[in-house]
Amino acid sequence: QIRLAGLEGNYEVAIPLSILRLKPADMLSVKG
């Protein structure tokens, strides 16, 4: 379910919000 892209040691990861059970909203703050 994860997408990983990398080039020359630089990485981009995409994680579906459904996996995290995260519902982002404007001005939402969470610890991490």
Full PDB file with SEQRES, HELIX, SHEET, SSBOND, CRYST1, ORIGX, SCALE, CONECT and MASTER records, all heavy atoms in Angstrom:
SEQRES   1 A   32  GLN ILE ARG LEU ALA GLY LEU GLU GLY ASN TYR GLU VAL          
SEQRES   2 A   32  ALA ILE PRO LEU SER ILE LEU ARG LEU LYS PRO ALA ASP          
SEQRES   3 A   32  MET LEU SER VAL LYS GLY                                      
HELIX    1 AA1 LEU A   17  LEU A   20  1                                   4    
SHEET    1 AA1 2 ARG A   3  LEU A   7  0                                        
SHEET    2 AA1 2 ASN A  10  ALA A  14 -1                                        
CRYST1    1.000    1.000    1.000  90.00  90.00  90.00 P 1           1          
ORIGX1      1.000000  0.000000  0.000000        0.00000                         
ORIGX2      0.000000  1.000000  0.000000        0.00000                         
ORIGX3      0.000000  0.000000  1.000000        0.00000                         
SCALE1      1.000000  0.000000  0.000000        0.00000                         
SCALE2      0.000000  1.000000  0.000000        0.00000                         
SCALE3      0.000000  0.000000  1.000000        0.00000                         
ATOM      1  N   GLN A   1       0.804  -1.220   0.000  1.00  0.00           N  
ATOM      2  CA  GLN A   1       0.000   0.000   0.000  1.00  0.00           C  
ATOM      3  C   GLN A   1       0.841   1.276   0.000  1.00  0.00           C  
ATOM      4  O   GLN A   1       0.310   2.360  -0.177  1.00  0.00           O  
ATOM      5  CB  GLN A   1      -0.927  -0.020   1.216  1.00  0.00           C  
ATOM      6  CG  GLN A   1      -1.912  -1.181   1.121  1.00  0.00           C  
ATOM      7  CD  GLN A   1      -2.349  -1.649   2.478  1.00  0.00           C  
ATOM      8  OE1 GLN A   1      -1.538  -1.838   3.365  1.00  0.00           O  
ATOM      9  NE2 GLN A   1      -3.639  -1.837   2.637  1.00  0.00           N  
ATOM     10  N   ILE A   2       2.127   1.142   0.188  1.00  0.00           N  
ATOM     11  CA  ILE A   2       3.042   2.286   0.263  1.00  0.00           C  
ATOM     12  C   ILE A   2       3.685   2.504  -1.100  1.00  0.00           C  
ATOM     13  O   ILE A   2       3.972   1.544  -1.817  1.00  0.00           O  
ATOM     14  CB  ILE A   2       4.163   2.005   1.301  1.00  0.00           C  
ATOM     15  CG1 ILE A   2       3.572   1.784   2.676  1.00  0.00           C  
ATOM     16  CG2 ILE A   2       5.212   3.092   1.312  1.00  0.00           C  
ATOM     17  CD1 ILE A   2       3.003   2.997   3.323  1.00  0.00           C  
ATOM     18  N   ARG A   3       3.945   3.743  -1.431  1.00  0.00           N  
ATOM     19  CA  ARG A   3       4.679   4.074  -2.653  1.00  0.00           C  
ATOM     20  C   ARG A   3       5.990   4.735  -2.255  1.00  0.00           C  
ATOM     21  O   ARG A   3       6.006   5.669  -1.439  1.00  0.00           O  
ATOM     22  CB  ARG A   3       3.874   5.019  -3.553  1.00  0.00           C  
ATOM     23  CG  ARG A   3       2.597   4.427  -4.077  1.00  0.00           C  
ATOM     24  CD  ARG A   3       2.865   3.265  -5.064  1.00  0.00           C  
ATOM     25  NE  ARG A   3       1.651   2.543  -5.343  1.00  0.00           N  
ATOM     26  CZ  ARG A   3       1.393   1.312  -4.891  1.00  0.00           C  
ATOM     27  NH1 ARG A   3       2.252   0.680  -4.152  1.00  0.00           N  
ATOM     28  NH2 ARG A   3       0.267   0.723  -5.201  1.00  0.00           N  
ATOM     29  N   LEU A   4       7.078   4.247  -2.831  1.00  0.00           N  
ATOM     30  CA  LEU A   4       8.418   4.763  -2.555  1.00  0.00           C  
ATOM     31  C   LEU A   4       9.078   5.134  -3.867  1.00  0.00           C  
ATOM     32  O   LEU A   4       9.081   4.344  -4.813  1.00  0.00           O  
ATOM     33  CB  LEU A   4       9.261   3.716  -1.823  1.00  0.00           C  
ATOM     34  CG  LEU A   4      10.747   4.043  -1.638  1.00  0.00           C  
ATOM     35  CD1 LEU A   4      10.916   5.205  -0.666  1.00  0.00           C  
ATOM     36  CD2 LEU A   4      11.501   2.816  -1.154  1.00  0.00           C  
ATOM     37  N   ALA A   5       9.622   6.333  -3.912  1.00  0.00           N  
ATOM     38  CA  ALA A   5      10.409   6.768  -5.062  1.00  0.00           C  
ATOM     39  C   ALA A   5      11.733   7.288  -4.526  1.00  0.00           C  
ATOM     40  O   ALA A   5      11.777   7.924  -3.471  1.00  0.00           O  
ATOM     41  CB  ALA A   5       9.677   7.861  -5.835  1.00  0.00           C  
ATOM     42  N   GLY A   6      12.792   6.981  -5.221  1.00  0.00           N  
ATOM     43  CA  GLY A   6      14.091   7.449  -4.754  1.00  0.00           C  
ATOM     44  C   GLY A   6      15.041   7.663  -5.907  1.00  0.00           C  
ATOM     45  O   GLY A   6      15.012   6.934  -6.893  1.00  0.00           O  
ATOM     46  N   LEU A   7      15.872   8.681  -5.757  1.00  0.00           N  
ATOM     47  CA  LEU A   7      16.878   8.990  -6.759  1.00  0.00           C  
ATOM     48  C   LEU A   7      18.073   9.597  -6.054  1.00  0.00           C  
ATOM     49  O   LEU A   7      17.932  10.599  -5.328  1.00  0.00           O  
ATOM     50  CB  LEU A   7      16.308   9.966  -7.803  1.00  0.00           C  
ATOM     51  CG  LEU A   7      17.234  10.345  -8.947  1.00  0.00           C  
ATOM     52  CD1 LEU A   7      17.578   9.118  -9.793  1.00  0.00           C  
ATOM     53  CD2 LEU A   7      16.585  11.413  -9.812  1.00  0.00           C  
ATOM     54  N   GLU A   8      19.216   8.969  -6.214  1.00  0.00           N  
ATOM     55  CA  GLU A   8      20.471   9.471  -5.656  1.00  0.00           C  
ATOM     56  C   GLU A   8      20.381   9.779  -4.161  1.00  0.00           C  
ATOM     57  O   GLU A   8      20.885  10.788  -3.679  1.00  0.00           O  
ATOM     58  CB  GLU A   8      20.939  10.692  -6.435  1.00  0.00           C  
ATOM     59  CG  GLU A   8      21.236  10.383  -7.891  1.00  0.00           C  
ATOM     60  CD  GLU A   8      21.621  11.620  -8.684  1.00  0.00           C  
ATOM     61  OE1 GLU A   8      21.655  12.736  -8.123  1.00  0.00           O  
ATOM     62  OE2 GLU A   8      21.884  11.449  -9.887  1.00  0.00           O  
ATOM     63  N   GLY A   9      19.718   8.899  -3.431  1.00  0.00           N  
ATOM     64  CA  GLY A   9      19.651   9.060  -1.983  1.00  0.00           C  
ATOM     65  C   GLY A   9      18.594  10.028  -1.491  1.00  0.00           C  
ATOM     66  O   GLY A   9      18.565  10.376  -0.315  1.00  0.00           O  
ATOM     67  N   ASN A  10      17.741  10.494  -2.375  1.00  0.00           N  
ATOM     68  CA  ASN A  10      16.612  11.342  -1.989  1.00  0.00           C  
ATOM     69  C   ASN A  10      15.352  10.498  -2.150  1.00  0.00           C  
ATOM     70  O   ASN A  10      15.181   9.826  -3.158  1.00  0.00           O  
ATOM     71  CB  ASN A  10      16.551  12.595  -2.852  1.00  0.00           C  
ATOM     72  CG  ASN A  10      17.811  13.414  -2.705  1.00  0.00           C  
ATOM     73  OD1 ASN A  10      18.325  13.598  -1.608  1.00  0.00           O  
ATOM     74  ND2 ASN A  10      18.345  13.888  -3.824  1.00  0.00           N  
ATOM     75  N   TYR A  11      14.472  10.542  -1.146  1.00  0.00           N  
ATOM     76  CA  TYR A  11      13.332   9.645  -1.122  1.00  0.00           C  
ATOM     77  C   TYR A  11      12.031  10.411  -0.967  1.00  0.00           C  
ATOM     78  O   TYR A  11      11.973  11.437  -0.307  1.00  0.00           O  
ATOM     79  CB  TYR A  11      13.456   8.658   0.054  1.00  0.00           C  
ATOM     80  CG  TYR A  11      14.708   7.826  -0.024  1.00  0.00           C  
ATOM     81  CD1 TYR A  11      15.863   8.205   0.653  1.00  0.00           C  
ATOM     82  CD2 TYR A  11      14.752   6.679  -0.801  1.00  0.00           C  
ATOM     83  CE1 TYR A  11      17.024   7.454   0.569  1.00  0.00           C  
ATOM     84  CE2 TYR A  11      15.908   5.920  -0.893  1.00  0.00           C  
ATOM     85  CZ  TYR A  11      17.035   6.311  -0.199  1.00  0.00           C  
ATOM     86  OH  TYR A  11      18.180   5.573  -0.285  1.00  0.00           O  
ATOM     87  N   GLU A  12      10.991   9.835  -1.571  1.00  0.00           N  
ATOM     88  CA  GLU A  12       9.638  10.325  -1.378  1.00  0.00           C  
ATOM     89  C   GLU A  12       8.765   9.127  -1.079  1.00  0.00           C  
ATOM     90  O   GLU A  12       8.824   8.113  -1.776  1.00  0.00           O  
ATOM     91  CB  GLU A  12       9.133  11.041  -2.630  1.00  0.00           C  
ATOM     92  CG  GLU A  12       7.763  11.654  -2.424  1.00  0.00           C  
ATOM     93  CD  GLU A  12       7.318  12.457  -3.627  1.00  0.00           C  
ATOM     94  OE1 GLU A  12       7.907  13.521  -3.878  1.00  0.00           O  
ATOM     95  OE2 GLU A  12       6.375  11.998  -4.294  1.00  0.00           O  
ATOM     96  N   VAL A  13       7.993   9.241  -0.016  1.00  0.00           N  
ATOM     97  CA  VAL A  13       7.134   8.150   0.439  1.00  0.00           C  
ATOM     98  C   VAL A  13       5.694   8.632   0.450  1.00  0.00           C  
ATOM     99  O   VAL A  13       5.417   9.726   0.960  1.00  0.00           O  
ATOM    100  CB  VAL A  13       7.530   7.703   1.867  1.00  0.00           C  
ATOM    101  CG1 VAL A  13       6.637   6.567   2.330  1.00  0.00           C  
ATOM    102  CG2 VAL A  13       8.988   7.318   1.934  1.00  0.00           C  
ATOM    103  N   ALA A  14       4.795   7.839  -0.085  1.00  0.00           N  
ATOM    104  CA  ALA A  14       3.367   8.136  -0.033  1.00  0.00           C  
ATOM    105  C   ALA A  14       2.681   7.044   0.783  1.00  0.00           C  
ATOM    106  O   ALA A  14       2.829   5.855   0.490  1.00  0.00           O  
ATOM    107  CB  ALA A  14       2.781   8.212  -1.431  1.00  0.00           C  
ATOM    108  N   ILE A  15       1.964   7.470   1.810  1.00  0.00           N  
ATOM    109  CA  ILE A  15       1.248   6.560   2.703  1.00  0.00           C  
ATOM    110  C   ILE A  15      -0.231   6.942   2.645  1.00  0.00           C  
ATOM    111  O   ILE A  15      -0.579   8.084   2.955  1.00  0.00           O  
ATOM    112  CB  ILE A  15       1.755   6.699   4.157  1.00  0.00           C  
ATOM    113  CG1 ILE A  15       3.265   6.488   4.222  1.00  0.00           C  
ATOM    114  CG2 ILE A  15       1.017   5.735   5.076  1.00  0.00           C  
ATOM    115  CD1 ILE A  15       3.879   6.916   5.550  1.00  0.00           C  
ATOM    116  N   PRO A  16      -1.105   6.013   2.263  1.00  0.00           N  
ATOM    117  CA  PRO A  16      -2.537   6.348   2.234  1.00  0.00           C  
ATOM    118  C   PRO A  16      -3.040   6.775   3.619  1.00  0.00           C  
ATOM    119  O   PRO A  16      -2.704   6.154   4.626  1.00  0.00           O  
ATOM    120  CB  PRO A  16      -3.200   5.046   1.786  1.00  0.00           C  
ATOM    121  CG  PRO A  16      -2.126   4.295   1.070  1.00  0.00           C  
ATOM    122  CD  PRO A  16      -0.853   4.655   1.781  1.00  0.00           C  
ATOM    123  N   LEU A  17      -3.822   7.822   3.653  1.00  0.00           N  
ATOM    124  CA  LEU A  17      -4.369   8.314   4.919  1.00  0.00           C  
ATOM    125  C   LEU A  17      -5.225   7.253   5.608  1.00  0.00           C  
ATOM    126  O   LEU A  17      -5.294   7.207   6.832  1.00  0.00           O  
ATOM    127  CB  LEU A  17      -5.181   9.579   4.684  1.00  0.00           C  
ATOM    128  CG  LEU A  17      -4.377  10.791   4.222  1.00  0.00           C  
ATOM    129  CD1 LEU A  17      -5.316  11.940   3.879  1.00  0.00           C  
ATOM    130  CD2 LEU A  17      -3.376  11.216   5.271  1.00  0.00           C  
ATOM    131  N   SER A  18      -5.830   6.374   4.826  1.00  0.00           N  
ATOM    132  CA  SER A  18      -6.669   5.324   5.420  1.00  0.00           C  
ATOM    133  C   SER A  18      -5.839   4.371   6.284  1.00  0.00           C  
ATOM    134  O   SER A  18      -6.340   3.859   7.288  1.00  0.00           O  
ATOM    135  CB  SER A  18      -7.415   4.557   4.338  1.00  0.00           C  
ATOM    136  OG  SER A  18      -6.490   3.939   3.448  1.00  0.00           O  
ATOM    137  N   ILE A  19      -4.602   4.125   5.919  1.00  0.00           N  
ATOM    138  CA  ILE A  19      -3.725   3.260   6.725  1.00  0.00           C  
ATOM    139  C   ILE A  19      -3.443   3.915   8.072  1.00  0.00           C  
ATOM    140  O   ILE A  19      -3.426   3.264   9.109  1.00  0.00           O  
ATOM    141  CB  ILE A  19      -2.412   2.960   5.983  1.00  0.00           C  
ATOM    142  CG1 ILE A  19      -2.670   2.037   4.804  1.00  0.00           C  
ATOM    143  CG2 ILE A  19      -1.389   2.323   6.926  1.00  0.00           C  
ATOM    144  CD1 ILE A  19      -1.460   1.795   3.943  1.00  0.00           C  
ATOM    145  N   LEU A  20      -3.215   5.215   8.031  1.00  0.00           N  
ATOM    146  CA  LEU A  20      -2.924   5.950   9.261  1.00  0.00           C  
ATOM    147  C   LEU A  20      -4.193   6.272  10.044  1.00  0.00           C  
ATOM    148  O   LEU A  20      -4.108   6.747  11.175  1.00  0.00           O  
ATOM    149  CB  LEU A  20      -2.188   7.252   8.935  1.00  0.00           C  
ATOM    150  CG  LEU A  20      -0.820   7.104   8.296  1.00  0.00           C  
ATOM    151  CD1 LEU A  20      -0.280   8.474   7.911  1.00  0.00           C  
ATOM    152  CD2 LEU A  20       0.137   6.387   9.222  1.00  0.00           C  
ATOM    153  N   ARG A  21      -5.340   6.049   9.419  1.00  0.00           N  
ATOM    154  CA  ARG A  21      -6.621   6.410  10.031  1.00  0.00           C  
ATOM    155  C   ARG A  21      -6.614   7.887  10.414  1.00  0.00           C  
ATOM    156  O   ARG A  21      -7.085   8.283  11.470  1.00  0.00           O  
ATOM    157  CB  ARG A  21      -6.929   5.507  11.217  1.00  0.00           C  
ATOM    158  CG  ARG A  21      -7.007   4.041  10.797  1.00  0.00           C  
ATOM    159  CD  ARG A  21      -7.180   3.104  11.935  1.00  0.00           C  
ATOM    160  NE  ARG A  21      -7.147   1.737  11.400  1.00  0.00           N  
ATOM    161  CZ  ARG A  21      -6.883   0.683  12.140  1.00  0.00           C  
ATOM    162  NH1 ARG A  21      -6.660   0.804  13.424  1.00  0.00           N  
ATOM    163  NH2 ARG A  21      -6.857  -0.507  11.605  1.00  0.00           N  
ATOM    164  N   LEU A  22      -6.047   8.674   9.499  1.00  0.00           N  
ATOM    165  CA  LEU A  22      -5.885  10.108   9.711  1.00  0.00           C  
ATOM    166  C   LEU A  22      -6.898  10.864   8.861  1.00  0.00           C  
ATOM    167  O   LEU A  22      -7.053  10.574   7.675  1.00  0.00           O  
ATOM    168  CB  LEU A  22      -4.459  10.528   9.335  1.00  0.00           C  
ATOM    169  CG  LEU A  22      -4.111  11.994   9.481  1.00  0.00           C  
ATOM    170  CD1 LEU A  22      -4.199  12.425  10.936  1.00  0.00           C  
ATOM    171  CD2 LEU A  22      -2.702  12.252   8.945  1.00  0.00           C  
ATOM    172  N   LYS A  23      -7.549  11.804   9.483  1.00  0.00           N  
ATOM    173  CA  LYS A  23      -8.516  12.658   8.787  1.00  0.00           C  
ATOM    174  C   LYS A  23      -8.035  14.092   8.911  1.00  0.00           C  
ATOM    175  O   LYS A  23      -8.425  14.805   9.837  1.00  0.00           O  
ATOM    176  CB  LYS A  23      -9.909  12.469   9.384  1.00  0.00           C  
ATOM    177  CG  LYS A  23     -10.433  11.075   9.158  1.00  0.00           C  
ATOM    178  CD  LYS A  23     -11.799  10.877   9.740  1.00  0.00           C  
ATOM    179  CE  LYS A  23     -12.256   9.483   9.378  1.00  0.00           C  
ATOM    180  NZ  LYS A  23     -12.735   8.723  10.444  1.00  0.00           N  
ATOM    181  N   PRO A  24      -7.158  14.520   7.992  1.00  0.00           N  
ATOM    182  CA  PRO A  24      -6.641  15.882   8.105  1.00  0.00           C  
ATOM    183  C   PRO A  24      -7.730  16.913   7.863  1.00  0.00           C  
ATOM    184  O   PRO A  24      -8.656  16.688   7.096  1.00  0.00           O  
ATOM    185  CB  PRO A  24      -5.570  15.954   7.021  1.00  0.00           C  
ATOM    186  CG  PRO A  24      -5.898  14.880   6.066  1.00  0.00           C  
ATOM    187  CD  PRO A  24      -6.648  13.827   6.820  1.00  0.00           C  
ATOM    188  N   ALA A  25      -7.591  18.000   8.570  1.00  0.00           N  
ATOM    189  CA  ALA A  25      -8.512  19.125   8.420  1.00  0.00           C  
ATOM    190  C   ALA A  25      -7.692  20.397   8.557  1.00  0.00           C  
ATOM    191  O   ALA A  25      -6.612  20.393   9.158  1.00  0.00           O  
ATOM    192  CB  ALA A  25      -9.592  19.067   9.490  1.00  0.00           C  
ATOM    193  N   ASP A  26      -8.204  21.473   7.995  1.00  0.00           N  
ATOM    194  CA  ASP A  26      -7.513  22.751   8.101  1.00  0.00           C  
ATOM    195  C   ASP A  26      -7.285  23.095   9.576  1.00  0.00           C  
ATOM    196  O   ASP A  26      -8.193  22.997  10.389  1.00  0.00           O  
ATOM    197  CB  ASP A  26      -8.340  23.839   7.412  1.00  0.00           C  
ATOM    198  CG  ASP A  26      -7.551  25.124   7.214  1.00  0.00           C  
ATOM    199  OD1 ASP A  26      -6.314  25.061   7.095  1.00  0.00           O  
ATOM    200  OD2 ASP A  26      -8.191  26.193   7.181  1.00  0.00           O  
ATOM    201  N   MET A  27      -6.077  23.432   9.902  1.00  0.00           N  
ATOM    202  CA  MET A  27      -5.652  23.838  11.245  1.00  0.00           C  
ATOM    203  C   MET A  27      -5.536  22.668  12.238  1.00  0.00           C  
ATOM    204  O   MET A  27      -5.371  22.892  13.429  1.00  0.00           O  
ATOM    205  CB  MET A  27      -6.558  24.927  11.823  1.00  0.00           C  
ATOM    206  CG  MET A  27      -6.693  26.141  10.922  1.00  0.00           C  
ATOM    207  SD  MET A  27      -5.107  26.884  10.421  1.00  0.00           S  
ATOM    208  CE  MET A  27      -4.531  27.528  11.962  1.00  0.00           C  
ATOM    209  N   LEU A  28      -5.599  21.433  11.760  1.00  0.00           N  
ATOM    210  CA  LEU A  28      -5.408  20.280  12.636  1.00  0.00           C  
ATOM    211  C   LEU A  28      -3.930  20.177  13.006  1.00  0.00           C  
ATOM    212  O   LEU A  28      -3.049  20.342  12.160  1.00  0.00           O  
ATOM    213  CB  LEU A  28      -5.836  18.990  11.914  1.00  0.00           C  
ATOM    214  CG  LEU A  28      -5.539  17.686  12.649  1.00  0.00           C  
ATOM    215  CD1 LEU A  28      -6.424  17.563  13.896  1.00  0.00           C  
ATOM    216  CD2 LEU A  28      -5.748  16.494  11.724  1.00  0.00           C  
ATOM    217  N   SER A  29      -3.650  19.912  14.270  1.00  0.00           N  
ATOM    218  CA  SER A  29      -2.289  19.682  14.743  1.00  0.00           C  
ATOM    219  C   SER A  29      -2.244  18.350  15.468  1.00  0.00           C  
ATOM    220  O   SER A  29      -3.111  18.055  16.295  1.00  0.00           O  
ATOM    221  CB  SER A  29      -1.849  20.791  15.704  1.00  0.00           C  
ATOM    222  OG  SER A  29      -1.767  22.026  15.032  1.00  0.00           O  
ATOM    223  N   VAL A  30      -1.253  17.533  15.137  1.00  0.00           N  
ATOM    224  CA  VAL A  30      -1.053  16.245  15.801  1.00  0.00           C  
ATOM    225  C   VAL A  30       0.422  16.082  16.116  1.00  0.00           C  
ATOM    226  O   VAL A  30       1.281  16.671  15.469  1.00  0.00           O  
ATOM    227  CB  VAL A  30      -1.555  15.052  14.955  1.00  0.00           C  
ATOM    228  CG1 VAL A  30      -3.053  15.121  14.726  1.00  0.00           C  
ATOM    229  CG2 VAL A  30      -0.805  14.950  13.636  1.00  0.00           C  
ATOM    230  N   LYS A  31       0.698  15.272  17.117  1.00  0.00           N  
ATOM    231  CA  LYS A  31       2.077  14.989  17.490  1.00  0.00           C  
ATOM    232  C   LYS A  31       2.673  14.006  16.486  1.00  0.00           C  
ATOM    233  O   LYS A  31       1.984  13.158  15.937  1.00  0.00           O  
ATOM    234  CB  LYS A  31       2.138  14.366  18.893  1.00  0.00           C  
ATOM    235  CG  LYS A  31       1.589  15.245  19.997  1.00  0.00           C  
ATOM    236  CD  LYS A  31       2.535  16.358  20.343  1.00  0.00           C  
ATOM    237  CE  LYS A  31       3.661  15.819  21.194  1.00  0.00           C  
ATOM    238  NZ  LYS A  31       4.534  16.804  21.744  1.00  0.00           N  
ATOM    239  N   GLY A  32       3.988  14.126  16.268  1.00  0.00           N  
ATOM    240  CA  GLY A  32       4.656  13.199  15.369  1.00  0.00           C  
ATOM    241  C   GLY A  32       6.149  13.442  15.316  1.00  0.00           C  
ATOM    242  O   GLY A  32       6.661  14.430  15.844  1.00  0.00           O  
TER     243      GLY A  32                                                      
MASTER        0    0    0    1    2    0    0    6  242    1    0    3          
END                                                                             
